Amino acid sequence: MARLVVLIVAFMALIAGVLAAEDKLPKLQIGILKKISPEECTQKARKGDTVSVHYTGKLEDGTVFDSSVERGQPIQFPLGTGRVIPGWDQGILGMCVGEKRKLTIPPHLAYGKQGAGRVIPPDSTLIFTTELVSIDNEDGDRDEL
């Protein structure tokens, strides 16, 4: 019985240590660059919606590494499904069409220790200027705001 108590206490200490380490990680920072009034915002981006987003991505030193604006073609992806970096899934959530946000994404919510090829070095904080262009909810199961 004493052995079981020791194991439980050790497990709880391990869990507490993991949670404390997660609290020390930098958080996603979201800045609103263009707010949409509640009257204009008829729907917000939700998990499972297919969204179209224009963006410009920069490194902390200001180097632009990618821009859909320059290509003239927004990126389209299903929100909240892991098809993009976690910082995007979190940062686009709740946006209204036409809204612009600045997302400052720490490495653990971007490409982490591996980076992304020759373009994004390991452990890079990424800064994206984003604009939600459209929301497509294919299942039609959406309550209007």
N, C-alpha and C. Protein backbone atom coordinates (compact mmCIF):
# COMPACT_ATOMS: atom_id res chain seq x y z
N MET A 1 0.81 -1.19 0.00
CA MET A 1 0.00 0.00 0.00
C MET A 1 0.87 1.27 0.00
N ALA A 2 1.94 1.23 0.81
CA ALA A 2 2.84 2.38 0.87
C ALA A 2 3.49 2.62 -0.48
N ARG A 3 3.82 1.53 -1.19
CA ARG A 3 4.43 1.64 -2.51
C ARG A 3 3.47 2.35 -3.48
N LEU A 4 2.17 2.03 -3.41
CA LEU A 4 1.16 2.64 -4.26
C LEU A 4 1.06 4.14 -3.98
N VAL A 5 1.10 4.52 -2.72
CA VAL A 5 1.04 5.94 -2.35
C VAL A 5 2.25 6.68 -2.91
N VAL A 6 3.43 6.07 -2.79
CA VAL A 6 4.65 6.69 -3.32
C VAL A 6 4.54 6.87 -4.84
N LEU A 7 4.03 5.85 -5.53
CA LEU A 7 3.87 5.94 -6.98
C LEU A 7 2.88 7.04 -7.36
N ILE A 8 1.80 7.15 -6.64
CA ILE A 8 0.79 8.19 -6.93
C ILE A 8 1.39 9.57 -6.70
N VAL A 9 2.10 9.76 -5.60
CA VAL A 9 2.72 11.05 -5.31
C VAL A 9 3.75 11.39 -6.38
N ALA A 10 4.56 10.42 -6.78
CA ALA A 10 5.57 10.66 -7.82
C ALA A 10 4.90 11.04 -9.14
N PHE A 11 3.82 10.36 -9.49
CA PHE A 11 3.10 10.65 -10.73
C PHE A 11 2.53 12.07 -10.69
N MET A 12 1.95 12.45 -9.56
CA MET A 12 1.38 13.79 -9.42
C MET A 12 2.47 14.86 -9.53
N ALA A 13 3.65 14.59 -8.97
CA ALA A 13 4.76 15.53 -9.08
C ALA A 13 5.21 15.68 -10.53
N LEU A 14 5.24 14.57 -11.25
CA LEU A 14 5.59 14.60 -12.67
C LEU A 14 4.60 15.45 -13.46
N ILE A 15 3.32 15.24 -13.24
CA ILE A 15 2.27 16.01 -13.93
C ILE A 15 2.41 17.49 -13.60
N ALA A 16 2.63 17.82 -12.34
CA ALA A 16 2.79 19.22 -11.93
C ALA A 16 3.99 19.85 -12.63
N GLY A 17 5.07 19.10 -12.77
CA GLY A 17 6.26 19.60 -13.46
C GLY A 17 6.01 19.87 -14.92
N VAL A 18 5.29 18.99 -15.58
CA VAL A 18 4.96 19.17 -17.00
C VAL A 18 4.07 20.40 -17.17
N LEU A 19 3.07 20.55 -16.33
CA LEU A 19 2.17 21.71 -16.42
C LEU A 19 2.91 23.01 -16.16
N ALA A 20 3.83 23.00 -15.19
CA ALA A 20 4.60 24.21 -14.90
C ALA A 20 5.49 24.57 -16.09
N ALA A 21 6.08 23.57 -16.75
CA ALA A 21 6.92 23.84 -17.92
C ALA A 21 6.09 24.43 -19.06
N GLU A 22 4.86 23.93 -19.26
CA GLU A 22 4.01 24.45 -20.31
C GLU A 22 3.63 25.90 -20.04
N ASP A 23 3.45 26.27 -18.77
CA ASP A 23 3.10 27.64 -18.43
C ASP A 23 4.23 28.61 -18.78
N LYS A 24 5.46 28.13 -18.85
CA LYS A 24 6.60 28.99 -19.14
C LYS A 24 6.80 29.22 -20.63
N LEU A 25 6.13 28.43 -21.47
CA LEU A 25 6.25 28.62 -22.91
C LEU A 25 5.60 29.93 -23.32
N PRO A 26 6.20 30.65 -24.28
CA PRO A 26 5.57 31.89 -24.75
C PRO A 26 4.21 31.58 -25.39
N LYS A 27 3.28 32.49 -25.22
CA LYS A 27 1.94 32.32 -25.75
C LYS A 27 1.81 33.01 -27.11
N LEU A 28 0.83 32.57 -27.86
CA LEU A 28 0.46 33.24 -29.10
C LEU A 28 -0.02 34.64 -28.77
N GLN A 29 0.46 35.63 -29.52
CA GLN A 29 0.00 37.00 -29.34
C GLN A 29 -0.83 37.39 -30.54
N ILE A 30 -2.04 37.90 -30.27
CA ILE A 30 -2.94 38.31 -31.35
C ILE A 30 -3.21 39.80 -31.21
N GLY A 31 -2.87 40.54 -32.27
CA GLY A 31 -3.18 41.97 -32.32
C GLY A 31 -4.23 42.20 -33.39
N ILE A 32 -5.22 43.02 -33.08
CA ILE A 32 -6.28 43.33 -34.04
C ILE A 32 -5.83 44.56 -34.84
N LEU A 33 -5.67 44.41 -36.15
CA LEU A 33 -5.27 45.51 -37.00
C LEU A 33 -6.47 46.20 -37.64
N LYS A 34 -7.51 45.43 -37.93
CA LYS A 34 -8.76 45.98 -38.47
C LYS A 34 -9.90 45.20 -37.85
N LYS A 35 -10.66 45.88 -37.01
CA LYS A 35 -11.79 45.25 -36.31
C LYS A 35 -13.05 45.42 -37.16
N ILE A 36 -13.88 44.41 -37.14
CA ILE A 36 -15.16 44.45 -37.84
C ILE A 36 -16.25 44.66 -36.79
N SER A 37 -17.15 45.59 -37.06
CA SER A 37 -18.22 45.88 -36.09
C SER A 37 -19.15 44.67 -35.97
N PRO A 38 -19.78 44.52 -34.82
CA PRO A 38 -20.72 43.40 -34.64
C PRO A 38 -21.83 43.38 -35.70
N GLU A 39 -22.23 44.55 -36.18
CA GLU A 39 -23.27 44.62 -37.21
C GLU A 39 -22.79 44.05 -38.54
N GLU A 40 -21.50 44.24 -38.83
CA GLU A 40 -20.93 43.76 -40.09
C GLU A 40 -20.51 42.29 -40.02
N CYS A 41 -20.25 41.80 -38.82
CA CYS A 41 -19.75 40.43 -38.65
C CYS A 41 -20.93 39.48 -38.50
N THR A 42 -21.32 38.87 -39.60
CA THR A 42 -22.47 37.97 -39.58
C THR A 42 -22.08 36.54 -39.21
N GLN A 43 -20.78 36.21 -39.32
CA GLN A 43 -20.30 34.90 -38.88
C GLN A 43 -18.83 35.00 -38.53
N LYS A 44 -18.41 34.17 -37.60
CA LYS A 44 -17.02 34.11 -37.18
C LYS A 44 -16.46 32.75 -37.56
N ALA A 45 -15.17 32.73 -37.85
CA ALA A 45 -14.50 31.49 -38.22
C ALA A 45 -14.51 30.51 -37.05
N ARG A 46 -14.99 29.29 -37.33
CA ARG A 46 -15.07 28.25 -36.32
C ARG A 46 -14.31 27.02 -36.78
N LYS A 47 -13.99 26.17 -35.82
CA LYS A 47 -13.32 24.91 -36.12
C LYS A 47 -14.16 24.14 -37.14
N GLY A 48 -13.50 23.65 -38.19
CA GLY A 48 -14.19 22.89 -39.23
C GLY A 48 -14.57 23.73 -40.43
N ASP A 49 -14.64 25.05 -40.29
CA ASP A 49 -14.93 25.91 -41.43
C ASP A 49 -13.74 25.91 -42.38
N THR A 50 -14.01 25.99 -43.67
CA THR A 50 -12.94 26.21 -44.63
C THR A 50 -12.80 27.71 -44.78
N VAL A 51 -11.61 28.21 -44.49
CA VAL A 51 -11.37 29.65 -44.52
C VAL A 51 -10.36 29.99 -45.62
N SER A 52 -10.50 31.20 -46.16
CA SER A 52 -9.52 31.76 -47.10
C SER A 52 -8.87 32.94 -46.41
N VAL A 53 -7.54 32.95 -46.40
CA VAL A 53 -6.80 33.97 -45.66
C VAL A 53 -5.68 34.53 -46.53
N HIS A 54 -5.60 35.86 -46.58
CA HIS A 54 -4.44 36.52 -47.16
C HIS A 54 -3.46 36.77 -46.02
N TYR A 55 -2.17 36.64 -46.29
CA TYR A 55 -1.18 36.80 -45.23
C TYR A 55 0.16 37.23 -45.78
N THR A 56 0.95 37.82 -44.91
CA THR A 56 2.37 38.04 -45.15
C THR A 56 3.08 37.54 -43.91
N GLY A 57 4.04 36.63 -44.11
CA GLY A 57 4.80 36.06 -43.00
C GLY A 57 6.20 36.62 -42.95
N LYS A 58 6.62 37.01 -41.75
CA LYS A 58 7.96 37.58 -41.55
C LYS A 58 8.66 36.90 -40.39
N LEU A 59 9.97 36.92 -40.46
CA LEU A 59 10.79 36.54 -39.31
C LEU A 59 10.88 37.75 -38.39
N GLU A 60 11.39 37.57 -37.18
CA GLU A 60 11.48 38.68 -36.23
C GLU A 60 12.36 39.82 -36.74
N ASP A 61 13.31 39.53 -37.62
CA ASP A 61 14.17 40.59 -38.15
C ASP A 61 13.52 41.35 -39.31
N GLY A 62 12.27 40.99 -39.64
CA GLY A 62 11.54 41.70 -40.70
C GLY A 62 11.63 41.05 -42.07
N THR A 63 12.42 39.99 -42.20
CA THR A 63 12.56 39.29 -43.48
C THR A 63 11.24 38.61 -43.84
N VAL A 64 10.69 38.97 -45.02
CA VAL A 64 9.46 38.33 -45.50
C VAL A 64 9.84 36.97 -46.07
N PHE A 65 9.19 35.92 -45.58
CA PHE A 65 9.48 34.58 -46.11
C PHE A 65 8.35 34.04 -46.98
N ASP A 66 7.17 34.64 -46.90
CA ASP A 66 6.06 34.18 -47.75
C ASP A 66 4.96 35.22 -47.72
N SER A 67 4.21 35.33 -48.83
CA SER A 67 3.11 36.28 -48.88
C SER A 67 2.09 35.86 -49.93
N SER A 68 0.89 35.57 -49.49
CA SER A 68 -0.19 35.28 -50.44
C SER A 68 -0.61 36.57 -51.13
N VAL A 69 -0.40 37.69 -50.47
CA VAL A 69 -0.76 38.99 -51.05
C VAL A 69 0.07 39.22 -52.31
N GLU A 70 1.37 38.94 -52.24
CA GLU A 70 2.25 39.10 -53.41
C GLU A 70 1.86 38.16 -54.54
N ARG A 71 1.39 36.96 -54.20
CA ARG A 71 0.96 36.00 -55.22
C ARG A 71 -0.44 36.31 -55.75
N GLY A 72 -1.21 37.09 -54.99
CA GLY A 72 -2.57 37.42 -55.40
C GLY A 72 -3.55 36.28 -55.21
N GLN A 73 -3.19 35.32 -54.35
CA GLN A 73 -4.04 34.14 -54.13
C GLN A 73 -4.04 33.80 -52.64
N PRO A 74 -5.19 33.95 -51.95
CA PRO A 74 -5.22 33.59 -50.53
C PRO A 74 -5.07 32.08 -50.35
N ILE A 75 -4.63 31.69 -49.17
CA ILE A 75 -4.54 30.27 -48.82
C ILE A 75 -5.91 29.84 -48.30
N GLN A 76 -6.28 28.62 -48.61
CA GLN A 76 -7.57 28.07 -48.17
C GLN A 76 -7.28 26.78 -47.40
N PHE A 77 -7.93 26.63 -46.22
CA PHE A 77 -7.70 25.44 -45.40
C PHE A 77 -8.85 25.27 -44.42
N PRO A 78 -9.05 24.02 -43.96
CA PRO A 78 -10.06 23.77 -42.93
C PRO A 78 -9.49 24.15 -41.56
N LEU A 79 -10.16 25.03 -40.87
CA LEU A 79 -9.69 25.57 -39.60
C LEU A 79 -9.80 24.54 -38.48
N GLY A 80 -8.73 24.46 -37.69
CA GLY A 80 -8.75 23.61 -36.50
C GLY A 80 -8.52 22.14 -36.76
N THR A 81 -7.97 21.81 -37.93
CA THR A 81 -7.77 20.40 -38.27
C THR A 81 -6.29 20.02 -38.37
N GLY A 82 -5.40 20.95 -38.03
CA GLY A 82 -3.97 20.65 -38.08
C GLY A 82 -3.35 20.73 -39.47
N ARG A 83 -4.06 21.27 -40.44
CA ARG A 83 -3.51 21.40 -41.80
C ARG A 83 -2.52 22.56 -41.91
N VAL A 84 -2.55 23.46 -40.92
CA VAL A 84 -1.61 24.57 -40.86
C VAL A 84 -0.93 24.53 -39.49
N ILE A 85 0.03 25.40 -39.25
CA ILE A 85 0.70 25.41 -37.96
C ILE A 85 -0.30 25.74 -36.84
N PRO A 86 -0.07 25.23 -35.64
CA PRO A 86 -1.01 25.46 -34.54
C PRO A 86 -1.30 26.94 -34.26
N GLY A 87 -0.31 27.79 -34.42
CA GLY A 87 -0.53 29.23 -34.20
C GLY A 87 -1.57 29.81 -35.13
N TRP A 88 -1.65 29.28 -36.35
CA TRP A 88 -2.68 29.73 -37.29
C TRP A 88 -4.04 29.20 -36.88
N ASP A 89 -4.12 27.91 -36.56
CA ASP A 89 -5.41 27.35 -36.13
C ASP A 89 -5.97 28.14 -34.95
N GLN A 90 -5.12 28.55 -34.03
CA GLN A 90 -5.56 29.32 -32.87
C GLN A 90 -5.83 30.79 -33.21
N GLY A 91 -4.97 31.36 -34.02
CA GLY A 91 -5.04 32.80 -34.30
C GLY A 91 -6.14 33.22 -35.25
N ILE A 92 -6.58 32.34 -36.13
CA ILE A 92 -7.64 32.66 -37.10
C ILE A 92 -9.02 32.41 -36.49
N LEU A 93 -9.08 31.53 -35.52
CA LEU A 93 -10.33 31.17 -34.85
C LEU A 93 -11.03 32.44 -34.33
N GLY A 94 -12.30 32.57 -34.64
CA GLY A 94 -13.08 33.71 -34.15
C GLY A 94 -13.00 34.97 -34.99
N MET A 95 -12.24 34.93 -36.08
CA MET A 95 -12.13 36.11 -36.95
C MET A 95 -13.41 36.30 -37.76
N CYS A 96 -13.69 37.55 -38.11
CA CYS A 96 -14.79 37.90 -39.01
C CYS A 96 -14.21 38.17 -40.39
N VAL A 97 -15.00 37.94 -41.43
CA VAL A 97 -14.56 38.26 -42.79
C VAL A 97 -14.22 39.74 -42.85
N GLY A 98 -13.04 40.05 -43.41
CA GLY A 98 -12.55 41.42 -43.52
C GLY A 98 -11.68 41.85 -42.36
N GLU A 99 -11.69 41.09 -41.27
CA GLU A 99 -10.87 41.43 -40.11
C GLU A 99 -9.40 41.15 -40.44
N LYS A 100 -8.53 42.01 -39.88
CA LYS A 100 -7.08 41.83 -40.03
C LYS A 100 -6.47 41.67 -38.65
N ARG A 101 -5.56 40.69 -38.55
CA ARG A 101 -4.86 40.44 -37.30
C ARG A 101 -3.36 40.31 -37.54
N LYS A 102 -2.62 40.66 -36.51
CA LYS A 102 -1.17 40.41 -36.48
C LYS A 102 -0.97 39.28 -35.49
N LEU A 103 -0.44 38.16 -35.98
CA LEU A 103 -0.18 36.99 -35.14
C LEU A 103 1.32 36.88 -34.90
N THR A 104 1.72 36.92 -33.65
CA THR A 104 3.12 36.69 -33.28
C THR A 104 3.15 35.28 -32.69
N ILE A 105 3.74 34.37 -33.44
CA ILE A 105 3.65 32.95 -33.13
C ILE A 105 5.00 32.42 -32.64
N PRO A 106 5.04 31.96 -31.38
CA PRO A 106 6.30 31.42 -30.85
C PRO A 106 6.65 30.09 -31.54
N PRO A 107 7.92 29.71 -31.48
CA PRO A 107 8.38 28.52 -32.21
C PRO A 107 7.57 27.25 -31.96
N HIS A 108 7.16 26.99 -30.71
CA HIS A 108 6.45 25.73 -30.41
C HIS A 108 5.06 25.69 -31.03
N LEU A 109 4.55 26.83 -31.51
CA LEU A 109 3.26 26.87 -32.21
C LEU A 109 3.45 27.10 -33.71
N ALA A 110 4.73 27.05 -34.13
CA ALA A 110 5.06 27.23 -35.55
C ALA A 110 5.82 25.98 -36.03
N TYR A 111 7.09 26.14 -36.40
CA TYR A 111 7.86 25.02 -36.94
C TYR A 111 8.88 24.46 -35.96
N GLY A 112 8.92 25.01 -34.73
CA GLY A 112 9.73 24.45 -33.67
C GLY A 112 11.21 24.35 -33.96
N LYS A 113 11.81 23.32 -33.39
CA LYS A 113 13.25 23.12 -33.50
C LYS A 113 13.70 22.73 -34.90
N GLN A 114 12.78 22.18 -35.71
CA GLN A 114 13.18 21.75 -37.05
C GLN A 114 13.18 22.89 -38.06
N GLY A 115 12.43 23.99 -37.82
CA GLY A 115 12.32 25.05 -38.81
C GLY A 115 11.58 24.54 -40.04
N ALA A 116 11.71 25.27 -41.13
CA ALA A 116 11.04 24.87 -42.38
C ALA A 116 11.99 25.11 -43.55
N GLY A 117 12.73 24.07 -43.88
CA GLY A 117 13.67 24.15 -44.99
C GLY A 117 14.70 25.24 -44.79
N ARG A 118 15.02 25.92 -45.87
CA ARG A 118 16.00 27.01 -45.82
C ARG A 118 15.34 28.35 -45.53
N VAL A 119 14.02 28.35 -45.46
CA VAL A 119 13.28 29.60 -45.35
C VAL A 119 13.10 30.05 -43.91
N ILE A 120 12.76 29.12 -43.02
CA ILE A 120 12.49 29.46 -41.63
C ILE A 120 13.47 28.69 -40.75
N PRO A 121 14.39 29.42 -40.10
CA PRO A 121 15.38 28.77 -39.25
C PRO A 121 14.73 28.07 -38.04
N PRO A 122 15.43 27.11 -37.44
CA PRO A 122 14.92 26.46 -36.23
C PRO A 122 14.64 27.48 -35.13
N ASP A 123 13.64 27.18 -34.30
CA ASP A 123 13.28 28.00 -33.14
C ASP A 123 12.95 29.45 -33.48
N SER A 124 12.30 29.66 -34.62
CA SER A 124 11.94 31.02 -35.05
C SER A 124 10.55 31.42 -34.59
N THR A 125 10.46 32.64 -34.05
CA THR A 125 9.17 33.26 -33.80
C THR A 125 8.74 33.88 -35.12
N LEU A 126 7.49 33.63 -35.52
CA LEU A 126 6.99 34.12 -36.80
C LEU A 126 5.94 35.19 -36.58
N ILE A 127 5.93 36.17 -37.47
CA ILE A 127 4.97 37.27 -37.39
C ILE A 127 4.18 37.29 -38.68
N PHE A 128 2.88 37.10 -38.56
CA PHE A 128 1.99 37.10 -39.72
C PHE A 128 1.00 38.25 -39.63
N THR A 129 0.83 38.95 -40.73
CA THR A 129 -0.28 39.87 -40.90
C THR A 129 -1.31 39.09 -41.70
N THR A 130 -2.50 38.92 -41.14
CA THR A 130 -3.52 38.08 -41.77
C THR A 130 -4.80 38.87 -42.01
N GLU A 131 -5.51 38.50 -43.07
CA GLU A 131 -6.85 39.05 -43.34
C GLU A 131 -7.76 37.89 -43.74
N LEU A 132 -8.87 37.74 -43.03
CA LEU A 132 -9.82 36.70 -43.37
C LEU A 132 -10.64 37.15 -44.57
N VAL A 133 -10.50 36.43 -45.67
CA VAL A 133 -11.15 36.78 -46.93
C VAL A 133 -12.55 36.17 -47.01
N SER A 134 -12.68 34.90 -46.62
CA SER A 134 -14.00 34.25 -46.68
C SER A 134 -14.06 33.06 -45.74
N ILE A 135 -15.31 32.67 -45.44
CA ILE A 135 -15.59 31.49 -44.62
C ILE A 135 -16.59 30.65 -45.39
N ASP A 136 -16.26 29.36 -45.54
CA ASP A 136 -17.18 28.44 -46.19
C ASP A 136 -17.50 27.35 -45.18
N ASN A 137 -18.77 27.25 -44.83
CA ASN A 137 -19.23 26.22 -43.90
C ASN A 137 -20.04 25.24 -44.70
N GLU A 138 -19.39 24.15 -45.14
CA GLU A 138 -20.01 23.21 -46.07
C GLU A 138 -21.20 22.47 -45.51
N ASP A 139 -21.23 22.20 -44.20
CA ASP A 139 -22.35 21.42 -43.68
C ASP A 139 -23.59 22.28 -43.42
N GLY A 140 -23.42 23.60 -43.55
CA GLY A 140 -24.56 24.49 -43.40
C GLY A 140 -25.11 24.58 -41.99
N ASP A 141 -24.46 23.94 -41.05
CA ASP A 141 -24.93 23.93 -39.67
C ASP A 141 -24.29 25.07 -38.90
N ARG A 142 -24.78 26.25 -39.11
CA ARG A 142 -24.19 27.44 -38.48
C ARG A 142 -25.31 28.34 -37.99
N ASP A 143 -25.21 28.70 -36.73
CA ASP A 143 -26.14 29.68 -36.19
C ASP A 143 -25.63 31.06 -36.56
N GLU A 144 -26.49 31.91 -37.00
CA GLU A 144 -26.11 33.29 -37.30
C GLU A 144 -25.84 34.01 -35.99
N LEU A 145 -24.94 34.98 -36.03
CA LEU A 145 -24.60 35.74 -34.82
C LEU A 145 -25.65 36.79 -34.55
